[in-house]
C-alpha cells in the first residue's frame, strides 16, 4: 500500500474506477438554503462492468453527475453527463486540473471544471454552479491511512470534510451569490462495478465535528466504517456503526425504487447518536441501468450526552428498481450516445484536441 501524498494524490490514478465528489450546504444573502452535489467519474472503459461504456473508443471514460437543490422551493436541477469529454491539458499540471464538457452539445457548449488553485483551495464549476472552496482542516484519511476494505473491496479514500465555500449558483436563470460549507471525497480502486448496496453518510456538525459512516453489503455480508474528525483536527476510526432507516420513504415515479427519508445513526464506541432527515425527497439520479439517491440532510443528536445539530448528505445505492424501465433508458442512452459520437465525435476530437 502506497501512502497518500499531496498534491500528487489529488490527481488521477491508473485504477479501474475513480471519482472526485463534492457536496455542500449553501445560503444566499436572503438566508435561503440550497444544496449541491457534483461528481466526476473516471473508469477504465475495458474493465468497468457497465455495458454501454465499453464501446467508448478511449482507454479511460469519464462521466459526471450533479444536482443543485432549492430547499425552500423543493425544486432541483439535475445534470447527468453519460459521457464527459476531458480536455487535453487535464491532469497535466502540478496541481489537480480537470476541464470537461458534455459532448452531446445539442443545447450549446458549457464547460465544467475541478481545479486545485493553491494547496487545498479548489475551483468547482458546472452549468449551475461556480464555487470556490478552501479546506479548513487537514484531510481525513479513512481507515487511518486512507485505505479501506469493505466486503473484500479495497480502495484508497480521503475526504476534505470542512470546506468553506462561496460563489454563485444559477436558480431559474438568475445567478445568486451564496456561501456555506462543503465536503470533498476522492476515492479510487481496482473494482469493476458490482450491484452491491451501500448507505453512505457525511455529517457536518455545529460543534466542528465531521463524520463519515457507511454500511456496505455485497448481498451475503455487511461491513461498516465510521471515521471522525474533531474541531481540533484529531481523527478516530471505527469498524462499527448502526444505521437504522425510519418508516418514511419516497418512491420514484420512474424506477419505482423506495428510498428511506429518515435514519438513526449511532457510533456506540463514542456514545454518539443522531437523527437525520431528508430535506428534499426527489433526489434520485438515473445513469443508464443504475439508479441511486443522493441528497441533503438535517441532523440532530447527542455526543456523550451533549446536544448538537448540523447538516449532512446521504447516498443510497443498490435499491430494488423497475429494471424494465432502466433497461429501456439504458438502451436509449446507448443509442443516442453512439449516434452522436459517430456523427460528430471524431470531428470534435480532431478540431479541438480533447482526449
Protein backbone atom coordinates (compact mmCIF):
# COMPACT_ATOMS: atom_id res chain seq x y z
CA UNK A 1 0.00 0.00 0.00
CA UNK A 2 1.41 3.36 -1.05
CA UNK A 3 0.93 6.23 1.45
CA UNK A 4 -1.29 9.07 0.26
CA UNK A 5 0.69 12.18 -0.64
CA UNK A 6 -0.46 15.64 -1.69
CA UNK A 7 -0.77 17.26 -4.15
CA UNK A 8 0.05 14.08 -6.13
CA UNK A 9 -2.97 12.09 -4.98
CA UNK A 10 -5.50 14.80 -5.78
CA UNK A 11 -4.81 13.72 -9.37
CA UNK A 12 -5.74 10.68 -11.43
CA UNK A 13 -4.60 7.09 -10.85
CA UNK A 14 -4.39 4.07 -13.13
CA UNK A 15 -7.23 2.19 -11.46
CA UNK A 16 -10.47 0.72 -12.75
CA UNK A 17 -12.71 3.33 -11.09
CA UNK A 18 -12.08 6.75 -9.54
CA UNK A 19 -14.18 9.75 -8.61
CA UNK A 20 -13.89 13.33 -7.39
CA UNK A 21 -17.01 14.16 -5.38
CA UNK A 22 -18.27 17.36 -3.74
CA UNK A 23 -21.39 18.22 -1.77
CA UNK A 24 -22.39 21.24 0.25
CA UNK A 25 -24.92 23.41 2.02
CA UNK A 26 -25.32 26.96 0.69
CA UNK A 27 -27.20 30.09 1.74
CA UNK A 28 -27.90 33.24 -0.26
CA UNK A 29 -27.94 36.81 1.09
CA UNK A 30 -31.62 36.47 2.00
CA UNK A 31 -30.92 33.37 4.09
CA UNK A 32 -32.47 30.86 1.66
CA UNK A 33 -31.00 27.38 1.85
CA UNK A 34 -29.64 25.41 -1.12
CA UNK A 35 -27.56 22.27 -1.52
CA UNK A 36 -25.38 20.86 -4.27
CA UNK A 37 -23.69 17.65 -5.29
CA UNK A 38 -21.18 17.33 -8.11
CA UNK A 39 -19.14 14.27 -9.05
CA UNK A 40 -16.83 13.40 -11.94
CA UNK A 41 -16.08 9.71 -12.53
CA UNK A 42 -13.13 8.16 -14.40
CA UNK A 43 -13.30 4.49 -15.39
CA UNK A 44 -11.23 2.00 -17.33
CA UNK A 45 -13.53 1.51 -20.32
CA UNK A 46 -12.45 -2.10 -20.89
CA UNK A 47 -12.56 -3.27 -17.29
CA UNK A 48 -15.55 -1.46 -15.81
CA UNK A 49 -18.67 -3.61 -15.81
CA UNK A 50 -21.04 -1.02 -17.33
CA UNK A 51 -22.02 -2.28 -20.81
CA UNK A 52 -22.65 0.95 -22.73
CA UNK A 53 -19.32 2.42 -21.56
CA UNK A 54 -17.32 -0.43 -23.10
CA UNK A 55 -18.00 0.92 -26.59
CA UNK A 56 -16.29 4.25 -25.95
CA UNK A 57 -13.10 4.43 -28.11
CA UNK A 58 -10.77 5.61 -25.34
CA UNK A 59 -8.68 3.89 -22.62
CA UNK A 60 -10.48 5.85 -19.92
CA UNK A 61 -14.06 7.07 -19.98
CA UNK A 62 -15.44 9.97 -17.92
CA UNK A 63 -18.98 10.78 -16.81
CA UNK A 64 -20.41 13.38 -14.45
CA UNK A 65 -23.46 13.74 -12.22
CA UNK A 66 -24.61 16.90 -10.47
CA UNK A 67 -27.68 18.26 -8.75
CA UNK A 68 -28.44 21.73 -7.36
CA UNK A 69 -31.38 21.84 -4.95
CA UNK A 70 -33.51 24.80 -3.84
CA UNK A 71 -34.63 23.60 -0.41
CA UNK A 72 -37.34 26.23 0.19
CA UNK A 73 -38.92 25.78 -3.25
CA UNK A 74 -38.45 21.98 -3.15
CA UNK A 75 -37.06 22.10 -6.65
CA UNK A 76 -33.82 20.73 -8.04
CA UNK A 77 -31.76 20.97 -11.20
CA UNK A 78 -30.10 17.71 -12.25
CA UNK A 79 -27.43 17.16 -14.85
CA UNK A 80 -26.30 13.68 -15.86
CA UNK A 81 -23.48 13.53 -18.39
CA UNK A 82 -23.49 9.96 -19.63
CA UNK A 83 -20.17 10.68 -21.29
CA UNK A 84 -17.87 13.59 -20.42
CA UNK A 85 -15.12 14.77 -22.75
CA UNK A 86 -11.99 15.79 -20.83
CA UNK A 87 -9.63 18.45 -22.20
CA UNK A 88 -6.16 17.61 -23.48
CA UNK A 89 -4.47 19.61 -20.70
CA UNK A 90 -6.42 17.97 -17.86
CA UNK A 91 -4.29 16.07 -15.31
CA UNK A 92 -1.12 17.60 -16.78
CA UNK A 93 -0.46 20.35 -14.25
CA UNK A 94 1.39 20.13 -10.91
CA UNK A 95 -1.95 20.51 -9.14
CA UNK A 96 -5.31 18.93 -9.94
CA UNK A 97 -6.86 20.41 -13.06
CA UNK A 98 -9.81 18.88 -14.93
CA UNK A 99 -11.78 20.69 -17.61
CA UNK A 100 -14.61 18.79 -19.29
CA UNK A 101 -17.80 19.10 -21.33
CA UNK A 102 -20.80 17.04 -22.34
CA UNK A 103 -20.04 16.11 -25.99
CA UNK A 104 -23.77 15.86 -26.73
CA UNK A 105 -23.87 19.65 -27.01
CA UNK A 106 -27.30 20.00 -28.57
CA UNK A 107 -28.17 22.70 -26.02
CA UNK A 108 -24.92 24.56 -26.64
CA UNK A 109 -21.41 24.46 -25.18
CA UNK A 110 -20.80 24.78 -21.42
CA UNK A 111 -17.59 23.70 -19.72
CA UNK A 112 -17.12 22.30 -16.23
CA UNK A 113 -14.02 22.42 -14.07
CA UNK A 114 -12.44 20.91 -10.98
CA UNK A 115 -9.13 22.61 -10.15
CA UNK A 116 -6.86 23.00 -7.14
CA UNK A 117 -5.84 26.69 -7.30
CA UNK A 118 -3.45 26.53 -4.33
CA UNK A 119 -2.93 23.90 -1.61
CA UNK A 120 -6.39 22.57 -0.65
CA UNK A 121 -8.12 25.53 -2.32
CA UNK A 122 -10.42 24.49 -5.21
CA UNK A 123 -12.49 25.93 -8.02
CA UNK A 124 -15.63 23.97 -8.92
CA UNK A 125 -17.76 24.88 -11.93
CA UNK A 126 -20.69 23.30 -13.75
CA UNK A 127 -23.57 24.76 -15.75
CA UNK A 128 -25.38 25.52 -12.48
CA UNK A 129 -22.62 26.43 -10.00
CA UNK A 130 -19.38 28.41 -9.89
CA UNK A 131 -17.79 27.98 -6.46
CA UNK A 132 -14.51 28.49 -4.61
CA UNK A 133 -13.73 26.10 -1.80
CA UNK A 134 -10.96 26.12 0.82
CA UNK A 135 -10.26 23.38 3.35
CA UNK A 136 -10.13 24.47 6.97
CA UNK A 137 -8.75 21.11 8.16
CA UNK A 138 -6.19 18.58 7.06
CA UNK A 139 -7.56 15.60 5.08
CA UNK A 140 -9.49 12.87 6.84
CA UNK A 141 -7.76 9.63 5.89
CA UNK A 142 -10.47 6.98 6.07
CA UNK A 143 -9.41 3.91 7.98
CA UNK A 144 -6.49 5.85 9.45
CA UNK A 145 -4.22 5.69 6.41
CA UNK A 146 -6.60 6.46 3.55
CA UNK A 147 -7.06 2.83 2.56
CA UNK A 148 -10.21 0.84 3.37
CA UNK A 149 -11.68 -2.61 2.75
CA UNK A 150 -15.41 -3.40 2.75
CA UNK A 151 -16.68 -6.85 1.81
CA UNK A 152 -13.28 -7.56 0.27
CA UNK A 153 -13.37 -4.47 -1.94
CA UNK A 154 -10.31 -2.33 -1.28
CA UNK A 155 -9.93 1.32 -2.17
CA UNK A 156 -7.94 4.45 -1.42
CA UNK A 157 -10.13 7.09 0.18
CA UNK A 158 -9.68 10.52 1.75
CA UNK A 159 -12.05 13.40 2.49
CA UNK A 160 -11.88 17.15 3.00
CA UNK A 161 -14.71 17.44 5.50
CA UNK A 162 -14.77 21.18 6.28
CA UNK A 163 -14.52 23.32 3.16
CA UNK A 164 -15.59 26.95 3.36
CA UNK A 165 -17.34 27.82 0.12
CA UNK A 166 -18.53 30.94 -1.67
CA UNK A 167 -19.55 31.78 -5.22
CA UNK A 168 -22.67 31.84 -7.37
CA UNK A 169 -25.42 29.39 -8.32
CA UNK A 170 -27.99 29.51 -11.12
CA UNK A 171 -31.62 29.31 -9.99
CA UNK A 172 -34.24 29.89 -12.70
CA UNK A 173 -31.64 31.61 -14.90
CA UNK A 174 -30.78 34.01 -12.07
CA UNK A 175 -27.23 33.90 -10.66
CA UNK A 176 -27.26 34.21 -6.86
CA UNK A 177 -24.33 34.87 -4.55
CA UNK A 178 -24.01 32.17 -1.89
CA UNK A 179 -21.70 30.91 0.83
CA UNK A 180 -21.66 27.89 3.11
CA UNK A 181 -19.86 24.67 3.95
CA UNK A 182 -18.84 21.81 1.65
CA UNK A 183 -17.33 18.33 1.68
CA UNK A 184 -15.00 16.58 -0.79
CA UNK A 185 -14.36 12.85 -1.31
CA UNK A 186 -11.72 11.35 -3.56
CA UNK A 187 -11.71 7.57 -3.98
CA UNK A 188 -10.02 5.14 -6.38
CA UNK A 189 -10.00 1.36 -6.61
CA UNK A 190 -9.39 -1.66 -8.81
CA UNK A 191 -13.00 -2.82 -8.57
CA UNK A 192 -15.34 -3.28 -11.53
CA UNK A 193 -18.89 -2.10 -10.92
CA UNK A 194 -20.87 -4.55 -8.81
CA UNK A 195 -24.55 -4.44 -7.94
CA UNK A 196 -23.84 -4.06 -4.25
CA UNK A 197 -25.78 -1.89 -1.81
CA UNK A 198 -24.47 0.84 0.43
CA UNK A 199 -25.67 3.65 2.67
CA UNK A 200 -23.12 6.44 2.96
CA UNK A 201 -23.41 9.46 5.27
CA UNK A 202 -21.33 12.63 5.58
CA UNK A 203 -22.22 14.71 8.67
CA UNK A 204 -21.04 18.25 9.45
CA UNK A 205 -21.94 19.27 12.99
CA UNK A 206 -22.16 22.71 14.58
CA UNK A 207 -19.53 21.79 17.20
CA UNK A 208 -16.88 21.39 14.49
CA UNK A 209 -17.04 17.59 14.28
CA UNK A 210 -17.42 15.84 10.93
CA UNK A 211 -18.29 12.17 10.48
CA UNK A 212 -18.22 9.72 7.58
CA UNK A 213 -20.05 6.45 8.12
CA UNK A 214 -21.07 3.72 5.71
CA UNK A 215 -22.87 0.38 5.65
CA UNK A 216 -21.77 -1.77 2.69
CA UNK A 217 -23.40 -5.04 1.63
CA UNK A 218 -22.41 -7.48 -1.11
CA UNK A 219 -25.63 -9.47 -0.65
CA UNK A 220 -24.02 -12.01 1.66
CA UNK A 221 -22.49 -9.95 4.44
CA UNK A 222 -22.27 -6.35 5.62
CA UNK A 223 -19.29 -4.23 6.61
CA UNK A 224 -19.32 -0.92 8.46
CA UNK A 225 -16.93 2.01 8.76
CA UNK A 226 -17.06 5.24 10.76
CA UNK A 227 -14.42 7.97 10.60
CA UNK A 228 -14.48 11.08 12.79
CA UNK A 229 -12.50 14.32 12.62
CA UNK A 230 -12.92 16.77 15.51
CA UNK A 231 -12.73 20.56 15.62
CA UNK A 232 -9.05 20.38 16.63
CA UNK A 233 -8.20 18.02 13.73
CA UNK A 234 -7.93 14.80 15.79
CA UNK A 235 -9.15 11.73 13.93
CA UNK A 236 -10.66 8.45 15.09
CA UNK A 237 -11.61 5.41 13.04
CA UNK A 238 -14.05 2.61 13.81
CA UNK A 239 -15.35 -0.52 12.11
CA UNK A 240 -18.77 -0.44 13.69
CA UNK A 241 -21.78 1.87 13.40
CA UNK A 242 -25.55 1.36 13.42
CA UNK A 243 -27.62 2.90 10.59
CA UNK A 244 -31.36 2.41 11.04
CA UNK A 245 -33.84 3.69 8.42
CA UNK A 246 -37.10 5.26 9.57
CA UNK A 247 -40.58 4.46 8.30
CA UNK A 248 -40.88 7.42 5.94
CA UNK A 249 -39.93 6.58 2.33
CA UNK A 250 -40.01 8.29 -1.05
CA UNK A 251 -40.90 6.22 -4.13
CA UNK A 252 -39.56 7.15 -7.55
CA UNK A 253 -42.21 7.50 -10.25
CA UNK A 254 -39.65 6.39 -12.84
CA UNK A 255 -37.82 3.43 -11.29
CA UNK A 256 -40.37 2.56 -8.55
CA UNK A 257 -37.43 2.33 -6.11
CA UNK A 258 -38.28 3.20 -2.50
CA UNK A 259 -35.71 5.24 -0.59
CA UNK A 260 -35.81 5.93 3.18
CA UNK A 261 -36.13 9.59 4.14
CA UNK A 262 -35.03 9.41 7.77
CA UNK A 263 -32.39 7.49 9.71
CA UNK A 264 -30.93 6.93 13.14
CA UNK A 265 -27.14 6.93 13.13
CA UNK A 266 -25.19 5.53 16.07
CA UNK A 267 -21.50 5.10 16.84
CA UNK A 268 -21.69 3.13 20.11
CA UNK A 269 -17.97 3.28 20.95
CA UNK A 270 -18.18 7.09 21.15
CA UNK A 271 -21.67 7.31 22.68
CA UNK A 272 -22.91 9.18 19.59
CA UNK A 273 -26.48 9.08 18.34
CA UNK A 274 -28.06 11.23 15.62
CA UNK A 275 -31.43 11.57 13.93
CA UNK A 276 -31.16 12.58 10.28
CA UNK A 277 -33.95 13.52 7.89
CA UNK A 278 -34.00 14.30 4.20
CA UNK A 279 -34.50 17.92 3.13
CA UNK A 280 -35.53 17.01 -0.44
CA UNK A 281 -37.39 13.85 -1.50
CA UNK A 282 -36.81 13.72 -5.27
CA UNK A 283 -33.02 13.36 -5.38
CA UNK A 284 -32.78 10.20 -7.49
CA UNK A 285 -30.06 10.03 -10.14
CA UNK A 286 -30.54 7.67 -13.12
CA UNK A 287 -27.46 6.66 -15.10
CA UNK A 288 -28.23 4.03 -17.70
CA UNK A 289 -29.22 0.91 -15.78
CA UNK A 290 -28.02 2.36 -12.48
CA UNK A 291 -30.16 4.36 -10.07
CA UNK A 292 -29.21 5.89 -6.74
CA UNK A 293 -30.41 8.58 -4.33
CA UNK A 294 -28.20 11.46 -3.20
CA UNK A 295 -29.44 14.33 -1.06
CA UNK A 296 -29.07 16.80 1.81
CA UNK A 297 -29.91 16.08 5.45
CA UNK A 298 -30.78 17.97 8.62
CA UNK A 299 -29.13 16.33 11.63
CA UNK A 300 -29.79 16.47 15.38
CA UNK A 301 -28.27 14.32 18.09
CA UNK A 302 -26.04 13.82 21.08
CA UNK A 303 -22.36 13.22 21.65
CA UNK A 304 -21.65 11.85 25.12
CA UNK A 305 -24.97 13.31 26.28
CA UNK A 306 -24.41 16.80 24.84
CA UNK A 307 -26.84 18.08 22.23
CA UNK A 308 -25.59 19.06 18.79
CA UNK A 309 -27.02 19.64 15.33
CA UNK A 310 -25.88 20.21 11.78
CA UNK A 311 -26.31 19.14 8.19
CA UNK A 312 -25.14 16.32 6.01
CA UNK A 313 -25.52 14.27 2.85
CA UNK A 314 -26.57 10.69 2.24
CA UNK A 315 -26.02 8.38 -0.73
CA UNK A 316 -28.25 5.31 -1.15
CA UNK A 317 -27.16 2.76 -3.77
CA UNK A 318 -28.49 -0.66 -4.75
CA UNK A 319 -32.19 -0.25 -4.02
CA UNK A 320 -34.54 -2.54 -5.97
CA UNK A 321 -35.97 -0.83 -9.02
CA UNK A 322 -38.19 -1.40 -12.04
CA UNK A 323 -35.48 -2.93 -14.21
CA UNK A 324 -37.60 -2.80 -17.36
CA UNK A 325 -37.67 0.99 -17.17
CA UNK A 326 -33.94 1.22 -16.54
CA UNK A 327 -33.23 -1.20 -19.38
CA UNK A 328 -35.19 0.95 -21.81
CA UNK A 329 -33.49 4.09 -20.50
CA UNK A 330 -30.09 2.46 -20.83
CA UNK A 331 -30.76 1.41 -24.42
CA UNK A 332 -31.99 4.88 -25.31
CA UNK A 333 -28.88 6.46 -23.81
CA UNK A 334 -26.63 3.99 -25.60
CA UNK A 335 -28.29 4.53 -28.98
CA UNK A 336 -28.25 8.29 -28.59
CA UNK A 337 -24.64 8.34 -27.48
CA UNK A 338 -23.45 6.09 -30.30
CA UNK A 339 -25.32 8.10 -32.92
CA UNK A 340 -23.89 11.40 -31.75
CA UNK A 341 -20.37 10.05 -31.43
CA UNK A 342 -20.48 8.69 -34.98
CA UNK A 343 -21.81 11.95 -36.36
CA UNK A 344 -19.58 14.46 -34.61
CA UNK A 345 -17.29 12.82 -32.07
CA UNK A 346 -14.30 12.31 -34.34
CA UNK A 347 -14.54 15.84 -35.74
CA UNK A 348 -14.67 17.35 -32.24
CA UNK A 349 -11.66 15.31 -31.12
CA UNK A 350 -9.64 16.37 -34.16
CA UNK A 351 -10.57 20.05 -34.17
CA UNK A 352 -10.18 20.95 -30.52
CA UNK A 353 -7.81 18.24 -29.32
CA UNK A 354 -9.90 16.84 -26.44
CA UNK A 355 -8.98 13.40 -25.22
